[in-house]
Amino acid sequence: MNWLPVFGPPSLIIPPGDTPTYEVTRDFEFWRSFATDLTGVEEERIEALEVHSAHLHMHAFGQSGEITLVEPDGRSETLLSVPRWDYNWERNFFFTEPKVVPRDEMAATSLRLRCTYHNDTQETVYGGWGAFDEMCMNFSYIAVQEGAPETASTNSGH
């Protein structure tokens, strides 16, 4: 899940009459650590991460959004683009084939989330949990490819 923090000093601010774009990027080393916390699989046993879906989430001021996979060579692949956000319609989009990120590419591969808003009110809108606050979130289904446990070789001298 990519997100913009909504606690502490406001990180997502949409002034009256403004149309800002916010972006957050997390590499797969972050996701590997997150997967360890959620699954209990030790980081060194995670051989790859599989991204199976993308799900953009914003609230009432969302205008458009995009979820992108950025590869080690800098190329990017749009996983989900929503050019006209509608707060009343959102869903999880599953891919025909998962996007597999091997361990040796995790530090250089990332998920980028970009959200654009339009505030047509006279009040500043902040990031928060309410329907008239805003969010910029991606809920992706990410699976772990777990490798075999490494066994220490022993030399008994026999």
C-alpha atoms as a PDB file:
ATOM      1  CA  MET A   1       0.000   0.000   0.000  1.00  0.00           C
ATOM      2  CA  ASN A   2       1.415   3.396  -0.955  1.00  0.00           C
ATOM      3  CA  TRP A   3       0.054   6.377   0.916  1.00  0.00           C
ATOM      4  CA  LEU A   4       0.724   9.954   1.842  1.00  0.00           C
ATOM      5  CA  PRO A   5       0.958  10.372   5.627  1.00  0.00           C
ATOM      6  CA  VAL A   6      -2.037  12.092   7.208  1.00  0.00           C
ATOM      7  CA  PHE A   7      -0.743  12.482  10.756  1.00  0.00           C
ATOM      8  CA  GLY A   8       1.470  15.182  12.236  1.00  0.00           C
ATOM      9  CA  PRO A   9       1.987  18.350  10.240  1.00  0.00           C
ATOM     10  CA  PRO A  10      -0.276  18.180   7.195  1.00  0.00           C
ATOM     11  CA  SER A  11       1.497  16.599   4.253  1.00  0.00           C
ATOM     12  CA  LEU A  12      -1.445  16.851   1.874  1.00  0.00           C
ATOM     13  CA  ILE A  13      -2.795  20.405   1.555  1.00  0.00           C
ATOM     14  CA  ILE A  14      -5.220  21.509  -1.153  1.00  0.00           C
ATOM     15  CA  PRO A  15      -5.773  25.296  -1.075  1.00  0.00           C
ATOM     16  CA  PRO A  16      -9.110  26.766  -2.206  1.00  0.00           C
ATOM     17  CA  GLY A  17      -9.404  26.892  -5.988  1.00  0.00           C
ATOM     18  CA  ASP A  18      -6.164  24.949  -6.481  1.00  0.00           C
ATOM     19  CA  THR A  19      -5.436  21.750  -8.459  1.00  0.00           C
ATOM     20  CA  PRO A  20      -2.259  20.253  -6.927  1.00  0.00           C
ATOM     21  CA  THR A  21      -0.637  16.910  -7.691  1.00  0.00           C
ATOM     22  CA  TYR A  22       1.022  14.854  -4.970  1.00  0.00           C
ATOM     23  CA  GLU A  23       3.320  11.901  -5.460  1.00  0.00           C
ATOM     24  CA  VAL A  24       4.856   9.229  -3.261  1.00  0.00           C
ATOM     25  CA  THR A  25       7.347   6.546  -4.329  1.00  0.00           C
ATOM     26  CA  ARG A  26       8.477   3.496  -2.354  1.00  0.00           C
ATOM     27  CA  ASP A  27      11.102   0.994  -3.480  1.00  0.00           C
ATOM     28  CA  PHE A  28      10.594  -2.729  -3.076  1.00  0.00           C
ATOM     29  CA  GLU A  29      13.146  -2.934  -0.243  1.00  0.00           C
ATOM     30  CA  PHE A  30      10.481  -1.019   1.715  1.00  0.00           C
ATOM     31  CA  TRP A  31       7.796  -3.470   0.547  1.00  0.00           C
ATOM     32  CA  ARG A  32       9.984  -6.455   1.423  1.00  0.00           C
ATOM     33  CA  SER A  33      10.381  -5.134   4.971  1.00  0.00           C
ATOM     34  CA  PHE A  34       6.627  -4.443   5.121  1.00  0.00           C
ATOM     35  CA  ALA A  35       5.915  -7.992   3.884  1.00  0.00           C
ATOM     36  CA  THR A  36       8.142  -9.397   6.627  1.00  0.00           C
ATOM     37  CA  ASP A  37       6.179  -7.493   9.263  1.00  0.00           C
ATOM     38  CA  LEU A  38       2.848  -8.727   7.870  1.00  0.00           C
ATOM     39  CA  THR A  39       3.709 -12.342   7.045  1.00  0.00           C
ATOM     40  CA  GLY A  40       6.490 -13.233   9.458  1.00  0.00           C
ATOM     41  CA  VAL A  41       8.631 -14.460   6.542  1.00  0.00           C
ATOM     42  CA  GLU A  42      12.211 -13.351   7.227  1.00  0.00           C
ATOM     43  CA  GLU A  43      13.509 -10.735   4.771  1.00  0.00           C
ATOM     44  CA  GLU A  44      16.440 -12.925   3.690  1.00  0.00           C
ATOM     45  CA  ARG A  45      13.994 -15.685   2.683  1.00  0.00           C
ATOM     46  CA  ILE A  46      11.968 -13.422   0.375  1.00  0.00           C
ATOM     47  CA  GLU A  47      13.226 -14.214  -3.132  1.00  0.00           C
ATOM     48  CA  ALA A  48      10.751 -12.005  -5.022  1.00  0.00           C
ATOM     49  CA  LEU A  49       7.612  -9.960  -4.587  1.00  0.00           C
ATOM     50  CA  GLU A  50       4.666 -10.370  -6.945  1.00  0.00           C
ATOM     51  CA  VAL A  51       2.349  -7.410  -7.559  1.00  0.00           C
ATOM     52  CA  HIS A  52      -1.071  -8.808  -8.492  1.00  0.00           C
ATOM     53  CA  SER A  53      -3.291  -5.717  -8.455  1.00  0.00           C
ATOM     54  CA  ALA A  54      -3.643  -1.950  -8.101  1.00  0.00           C
ATOM     55  CA  HIS A  55      -6.412  -0.016  -6.378  1.00  0.00           C
ATOM     56  CA  LEU A  56      -6.413   3.786  -6.282  1.00  0.00           C
ATOM     57  CA  HIS A  57      -8.190   5.469  -3.371  1.00  0.00           C
ATOM     58  CA  MET A  58      -8.968   9.156  -2.934  1.00  0.00           C
ATOM     59  CA  HIS A  59     -11.958  11.050  -1.557  1.00  0.00           C
ATOM     60  CA  ALA A  60     -14.336  13.771  -2.802  1.00  0.00           C
ATOM     61  CA  PHE A  61     -11.688  16.187  -4.157  1.00  0.00           C
ATOM     62  CA  GLY A  62      -9.793  13.608  -6.234  1.00  0.00           C
ATOM     63  CA  GLN A  63      -9.501  14.481  -9.915  1.00  0.00           C
ATOM     64  CA  SER A  64      -7.153  11.834 -11.362  1.00  0.00           C
ATOM     65  CA  GLY A  65      -4.540   9.328 -10.304  1.00  0.00           C
ATOM     66  CA  GLU A  66      -1.923   6.908 -11.526  1.00  0.00           C
ATOM     67  CA  ILE A  67       0.000   3.944 -10.148  1.00  0.00           C
ATOM     68  CA  THR A  68       3.283   3.192 -11.894  1.00  0.00           C
ATOM     69  CA  LEU A  69       5.953   0.504 -11.620  1.00  0.00           C
ATOM     70  CA  VAL A  70       9.412   2.072 -12.089  1.00  0.00           C
ATOM     71  CA  GLU A  71      12.063  -0.436 -13.156  1.00  0.00           C
ATOM     72  CA  PRO A  72      15.829  -0.387 -12.422  1.00  0.00           C
ATOM     73  CA  ASP A  73      16.676   0.997 -15.887  1.00  0.00           C
ATOM     74  CA  GLY A  74      14.296   3.946 -15.337  1.00  0.00           C
ATOM     75  CA  ARG A  75      11.548   2.637 -17.607  1.00  0.00           C
ATOM     76  CA  SER A  76       8.095   2.879 -16.140  1.00  0.00           C
ATOM     77  CA  GLU A  77       4.928   0.902 -16.678  1.00  0.00           C
ATOM     78  CA  THR A  78       1.534   2.348 -15.813  1.00  0.00           C
ATOM     79  CA  LEU A  79      -0.292  -0.256 -13.749  1.00  0.00           C
ATOM     80  CA  LEU A  80      -3.452   1.813 -13.306  1.00  0.00           C
ATOM     81  CA  SER A  81      -4.522   5.189 -14.668  1.00  0.00           C
ATOM     82  CA  VAL A  82      -7.762   6.856 -13.615  1.00  0.00           C
ATOM     83  CA  PRO A  83      -8.066  10.048 -15.676  1.00  0.00           C
ATOM     84  CA  ARG A  84     -11.454  11.083 -14.199  1.00  0.00           C
ATOM     85  CA  TRP A  85     -11.748  10.112 -10.554  1.00  0.00           C
ATOM     86  CA  ASP A  86     -15.238   9.395  -9.224  1.00  0.00           C
ATOM     87  CA  TYR A  87     -15.496   9.012  -5.447  1.00  0.00           C
ATOM     88  CA  ASN A  88     -18.524   6.739  -5.862  1.00  0.00           C
ATOM     89  CA  TRP A  89     -16.744   4.250  -8.103  1.00  0.00           C
ATOM     90  CA  GLU A  90     -13.506   2.492  -7.319  1.00  0.00           C
ATOM     91  CA  ARG A  91     -12.303  -1.065  -7.373  1.00  0.00           C
ATOM     92  CA  ASN A  92      -9.294  -3.336  -7.263  1.00  0.00           C
ATOM     93  CA  PHE A  93      -7.847  -4.118 -10.709  1.00  0.00           C
ATOM     94  CA  PHE A  94      -6.139  -7.515 -10.986  1.00  0.00           C
ATOM     95  CA  PHE A  95      -3.452  -8.080 -13.627  1.00  0.00           C
ATOM     96  CA  THR A  96      -3.511 -11.011 -16.055  1.00  0.00           C
ATOM     97  CA  GLU A  97       0.038 -11.823 -14.957  1.00  0.00           C
ATOM     98  CA  PRO A  98       1.681 -10.532 -11.766  1.00  0.00           C
ATOM     99  CA  LYS A  99       4.582  -8.104 -11.963  1.00  0.00           C
ATOM    100  CA  VAL A 100       7.488 -10.003 -10.376  1.00  0.00           C
ATOM    101  CA  VAL A 101      10.316  -8.095  -8.698  1.00  0.00           C
ATOM    102  CA  PRO A 102      13.292 -10.339  -7.845  1.00  0.00           C
ATOM    103  CA  ARG A 103      15.292  -9.677  -4.678  1.00  0.00           C
ATOM    104  CA  ASP A 104      18.317  -8.291  -6.556  1.00  0.00           C
ATOM    105  CA  GLU A 105      16.127  -5.612  -8.220  1.00  0.00           C
ATOM    106  CA  MET A 106      14.134  -4.530  -5.152  1.00  0.00           C
ATOM    107  CA  ALA A 107      16.306  -1.547  -4.197  1.00  0.00           C
ATOM    108  CA  ALA A 108      16.102  -0.122  -7.731  1.00  0.00           C
ATOM    109  CA  THR A 109      12.441  -0.936  -8.480  1.00  0.00           C
ATOM    110  CA  SER A 110       9.584   1.096  -7.032  1.00  0.00           C
ATOM    111  CA  LEU A 111       5.873   1.773  -7.022  1.00  0.00           C
ATOM    112  CA  ARG A 112       4.950   5.403  -7.679  1.00  0.00           C
ATOM    113  CA  LEU A 113       1.555   6.804  -6.736  1.00  0.00           C
ATOM    114  CA  ARG A 114       0.406  10.140  -8.149  1.00  0.00           C
ATOM    115  CA  CYS A 115      -2.865  11.872  -7.191  1.00  0.00           C
ATOM    116  CA  THR A 116      -4.291  15.133  -8.531  1.00  0.00           C
ATOM    117  CA  TYR A 117      -7.043  17.031  -6.740  1.00  0.00           C
ATOM    118  CA  HIS A 118      -9.288  19.986  -7.424  1.00  0.00           C
ATOM    119  CA  ASN A 119     -10.620  22.062  -4.547  1.00  0.00           C
ATOM    120  CA  ASP A 120     -13.594  24.099  -5.756  1.00  0.00           C
ATOM    121  CA  THR A 121     -14.506  25.232  -2.214  1.00  0.00           C
ATOM    122  CA  GLN A 122     -13.482  28.300  -0.216  1.00  0.00           C
ATOM    123  CA  GLU A 123     -11.803  26.157   2.460  1.00  0.00           C
ATOM    124  CA  THR A 124      -8.396  24.483   2.544  1.00  0.00           C
ATOM    125  CA  VAL A 125      -8.654  20.685   2.396  1.00  0.00           C
ATOM    126  CA  TYR A 126      -6.162  18.573   4.353  1.00  0.00           C
ATOM    127  CA  GLY A 127      -5.165  14.943   4.306  1.00  0.00           C
ATOM    128  CA  GLY A 128      -7.184  12.879   6.764  1.00  0.00           C
ATOM    129  CA  TRP A 129      -9.547   9.980   7.292  1.00  0.00           C
ATOM    130  CA  GLY A 130     -12.884  11.760   6.687  1.00  0.00           C
ATOM    131  CA  ALA A 131     -14.791  11.877   3.383  1.00  0.00           C
ATOM    132  CA  PHE A 132     -14.165  15.625   3.126  1.00  0.00           C
ATOM    133  CA  ASP A 133     -10.513  15.270   4.015  1.00  0.00           C
ATOM    134  CA  GLU A 134      -8.349  13.730   1.306  1.00  0.00           C
ATOM    135  CA  MET A 135      -6.231  10.658   0.768  1.00  0.00           C
ATOM    136  CA  CYS A 136      -3.835   9.358  -1.828  1.00  0.00           C
ATOM    137  CA  MET A 137      -3.577   5.591  -1.427  1.00  0.00           C
ATOM    138  CA  ASN A 138      -2.852   2.476  -3.426  1.00  0.00           C
ATOM    139  CA  PHE A 139      -3.977  -0.883  -2.123  1.00  0.00           C
ATOM    140  CA  SER A 140      -2.041  -3.498  -4.093  1.00  0.00           C
ATOM    141  CA  TYR A 141      -2.181  -7.237  -3.527  1.00  0.00           C
ATOM    142  CA  ILE A 142       1.488  -8.218  -3.202  1.00  0.00           C
ATOM    143  CA  ALA A 143       2.509 -11.851  -2.667  1.00  0.00           C
ATOM    144  CA  VAL A 144       5.815 -13.189  -1.362  1.00  0.00           C
ATOM    145  CA  GLN A 145       7.934 -15.735  -3.227  1.00  0.00           C
ATOM    146  CA  GLU A 146       9.733 -17.462  -0.396  1.00  0.00           C
ATOM    147  CA  GLY A 147      13.041 -19.215  -0.973  1.00  0.00           C
ATOM    148  CA  ALA A 148      14.249 -22.369   0.705  1.00  0.00           C
ATOM    149  CA  PRO A 149      15.917 -21.827   4.051  1.00  0.00           C
ATOM    150  CA  GLU A 150      19.652 -21.561   3.802  1.00  0.00           C
ATOM    151  CA  THR A 151      21.393 -24.386   5.595  1.00  0.00           C
ATOM    152  CA  ALA A 152      24.751 -23.819   7.145  1.00  0.00           C
ATOM    153  CA  SER A 153      27.272 -26.299   5.897  1.00  0.00           C
ATOM    154  CA  THR A 154      29.100 -28.069   8.642  1.00  0.00           C
ATOM    155  CA  ASN A 155      32.402 -29.819   8.492  1.00  0.00           C
ATOM    156  CA  SER A 156      32.536 -32.465  11.145  1.00  0.00           C
ATOM    157  CA  GLY A 157      36.016 -33.594  10.114  1.00  0.00           C
ATOM    158  CA  HIS A 158      34.952 -37.232   9.611  1.00  0.00           C
END
